[in-house]
Amino acid sequence: MPDTPDRDALLLRLQATLDAMPPVAAMGIRIAGYADGTLRLCAPLAANVNDKGNAFGGSLASVMTLAGWALVSLRLSQAGHDAEVYVADSSIRYRAPVYADLDASACAAPDQDWDGFLALFDKRGRARITVCAQVEDGAAALEGRFVALAKG
């Protein structure tokens, strides 16, 4: 999606939604960018540190899940849909400790199709898509299935 005022307004609205969730606000999660179908979120290590001085595993899981949720929410908003998005299930792999600020990126899984997802949502008022997210170039990775339900 090109950089347009509409895109920027959607990202601002999405950030406001994130900020309105107390646990998310406490983690300091911010939208770091959206380009080429990938949404990035970041969060400061200081707000997400464990007793070992690295990122708390729950924070890594949260920031990756929220990156996927935010990506699906954004794509639906871009298409003009008012929907609720939920994570249906996910699996996470922790490969290495993270000693820096959390930087999560999310994109549709390679075998997924946004056009098909949106067409099914148009037809049925619900659809699901699998999203892949990672932190720190793969120090942790999530594959999650997200479900969208039309509001109302």
Protein backbone atom coordinates (compact mmCIF):
# COMPACT_ATOMS: atom_id res chain seq x y z
CA MET A 1 0.00 0.00 0.00
CA PRO A 2 1.53 3.38 -0.91
CA ASP A 3 2.15 6.05 1.69
CA THR A 4 -1.11 7.99 1.66
CA PRO A 5 -3.01 10.05 4.22
CA ASP A 6 -5.57 7.21 4.36
CA ARG A 7 -2.83 4.70 5.20
CA ASP A 8 -1.39 7.00 7.83
CA ALA A 9 -4.86 7.59 9.33
CA LEU A 10 -5.47 3.83 9.51
CA LEU A 11 -2.13 3.30 11.25
CA LEU A 12 -2.88 6.08 13.73
CA ARG A 13 -6.27 4.56 14.48
CA LEU A 14 -4.66 1.15 14.94
CA GLN A 15 -2.08 2.63 17.32
CA ALA A 16 -4.89 4.25 19.32
CA THR A 17 -6.59 0.86 19.61
CA LEU A 18 -3.35 -0.70 20.87
CA ASP A 19 -2.85 2.16 23.33
CA ALA A 20 -6.37 1.64 24.73
CA MET A 21 -5.46 -1.88 25.93
CA PRO A 22 -3.81 -1.49 29.36
CA PRO A 23 -1.42 -4.48 29.07
CA VAL A 24 -0.31 -3.35 25.61
CA ALA A 25 0.21 0.22 26.79
CA ALA A 26 2.26 -1.04 29.76
CA MET A 27 4.52 -2.94 27.34
CA GLY A 28 5.16 0.26 25.36
CA ILE A 29 4.22 -1.30 22.02
CA ARG A 30 4.37 1.06 19.04
CA ILE A 31 3.74 0.59 15.35
CA ALA A 32 7.17 0.85 13.74
CA GLY A 33 6.10 0.68 10.11
CA TYR A 34 4.17 -1.00 7.34
CA ALA A 35 5.66 -1.78 3.93
CA ASP A 36 5.47 -4.53 1.33
CA GLY A 37 2.79 -6.44 3.24
CA THR A 38 4.78 -6.54 6.48
CA LEU A 39 3.74 -4.75 9.66
CA ARG A 40 6.36 -4.02 12.33
CA LEU A 41 5.80 -3.38 16.02
CA CYS A 42 8.44 -2.42 18.56
CA ALA A 43 8.60 -2.31 22.34
CA PRO A 44 11.36 -1.23 24.73
CA LEU A 45 13.31 -3.99 26.46
CA ALA A 46 13.15 -2.03 29.74
CA ALA A 47 9.38 -2.54 29.97
CA ASN A 48 9.62 -6.21 28.97
CA VAL A 49 12.69 -7.51 30.77
CA ASN A 50 12.86 -10.67 32.87
CA ASP A 51 15.05 -11.62 35.84
CA LYS A 52 17.87 -12.64 33.48
CA GLY A 53 18.11 -9.24 31.80
CA ASN A 54 16.62 -10.35 28.50
CA ALA A 55 13.14 -10.10 27.00
CA PHE A 56 10.39 -11.87 28.93
CA GLY A 57 8.99 -14.78 26.89
CA GLY A 58 5.43 -13.61 27.48
CA SER A 59 6.32 -10.22 26.02
CA LEU A 60 7.84 -11.85 22.94
CA ALA A 61 4.68 -13.93 22.48
CA SER A 62 2.50 -10.86 22.99
CA VAL A 63 4.34 -8.57 20.59
CA MET A 64 4.33 -11.23 17.84
CA THR A 65 0.65 -12.05 18.39
CA LEU A 66 -0.24 -8.37 18.36
CA ALA A 67 1.79 -7.84 15.18
CA GLY A 68 -0.29 -10.54 13.48
CA TRP A 69 -3.53 -9.18 14.90
CA ALA A 70 -2.65 -5.64 13.83
CA LEU A 71 -1.72 -6.76 10.31
CA VAL A 72 -5.04 -8.57 9.80
CA SER A 73 -6.94 -5.63 11.30
CA LEU A 74 -5.12 -3.20 9.02
CA ARG A 75 -5.76 -5.23 5.86
CA LEU A 76 -9.47 -5.46 6.69
CA SER A 77 -9.63 -1.69 7.36
CA GLN A 78 -7.87 -0.99 4.07
CA ALA A 79 -10.59 -3.00 2.33
CA GLY A 80 -13.28 -0.96 4.10
CA HIS A 81 -14.40 -3.70 6.50
CA ASP A 82 -15.44 -3.22 10.11
CA ALA A 83 -14.39 -6.47 11.76
CA GLU A 84 -13.34 -8.07 15.01
CA VAL A 85 -10.08 -10.02 14.76
CA TYR A 86 -9.12 -12.84 17.08
CA VAL A 87 -6.19 -15.23 17.27
CA ALA A 88 -7.64 -18.74 16.94
CA ASP A 89 -4.44 -20.65 17.62
CA SER A 90 -0.71 -20.20 17.39
CA SER A 91 2.60 -21.92 17.89
CA ILE A 92 5.79 -20.22 19.05
CA ARG A 93 9.43 -21.21 18.89
CA TYR A 94 11.99 -19.49 21.08
CA ARG A 95 15.45 -19.89 19.56
CA ALA A 96 17.64 -17.35 21.37
CA PRO A 97 17.39 -14.79 24.16
CA VAL A 98 16.70 -11.20 23.11
CA TYR A 99 18.83 -8.55 24.82
CA ALA A 100 17.59 -5.57 22.80
CA ASP A 101 14.35 -3.71 22.25
CA LEU A 102 11.68 -5.98 20.81
CA ASP A 103 11.19 -5.60 17.07
CA ALA A 104 8.46 -7.84 15.68
CA SER A 105 7.42 -8.20 12.05
CA ALA A 106 4.36 -9.98 10.70
CA CYS A 107 3.27 -10.99 7.22
CA ALA A 108 0.88 -13.48 5.69
CA ALA A 109 2.23 -17.03 5.63
CA PRO A 110 3.72 -17.92 2.23
CA ASP A 111 0.77 -20.14 1.24
CA GLN A 112 -1.86 -17.53 2.20
CA ASP A 113 -3.72 -15.16 -0.10
CA TRP A 114 -5.06 -11.79 1.07
CA ASP A 115 -7.40 -11.52 -1.92
CA GLY A 116 -8.96 -14.90 -1.10
CA PHE A 117 -9.22 -13.99 2.58
CA LEU A 118 -10.98 -10.70 1.78
CA ALA A 119 -13.27 -12.33 -0.82
CA LEU A 120 -14.36 -14.94 1.71
CA PHE A 121 -14.94 -12.21 4.30
CA ASP A 122 -17.07 -10.30 1.76
CA LYS A 123 -19.12 -13.42 1.06
CA ARG A 124 -19.55 -14.88 4.55
CA GLY A 125 -18.74 -12.09 7.01
CA ARG A 126 -15.96 -14.25 8.45
CA ALA A 127 -12.64 -15.57 7.28
CA ARG A 128 -9.33 -16.84 8.60
CA ILE A 129 -5.73 -16.40 7.56
CA THR A 130 -2.40 -17.71 8.80
CA VAL A 131 0.23 -15.11 9.69
CA CYS A 132 3.93 -15.57 10.45
CA ALA A 133 5.66 -13.23 12.88
CA GLN A 134 9.18 -13.07 14.23
CA VAL A 135 11.31 -11.10 16.65
CA GLU A 136 15.00 -10.24 16.24
CA ASP A 137 15.54 -11.97 12.91
CA GLY A 138 14.11 -15.24 14.17
CA ALA A 139 15.15 -15.30 17.85
CA ALA A 140 11.46 -16.10 18.35
CA ALA A 141 8.89 -17.01 15.71
CA LEU A 142 5.13 -17.38 15.74
CA GLU A 143 2.72 -18.93 13.29
CA GLY A 144 -0.84 -17.98 14.10
CA ARG A 145 -4.25 -18.45 12.58
CA PHE A 146 -6.36 -15.30 12.87
CA VAL A 147 -10.12 -15.16 12.47
CA ALA A 148 -12.06 -12.10 11.36
CA LEU A 149 -15.76 -11.68 12.12
CA ALA A 150 -17.93 -8.89 10.73
CA LYS A 151 -19.20 -6.50 13.37
CA GLY A 152 -22.93 -6.21 13.83
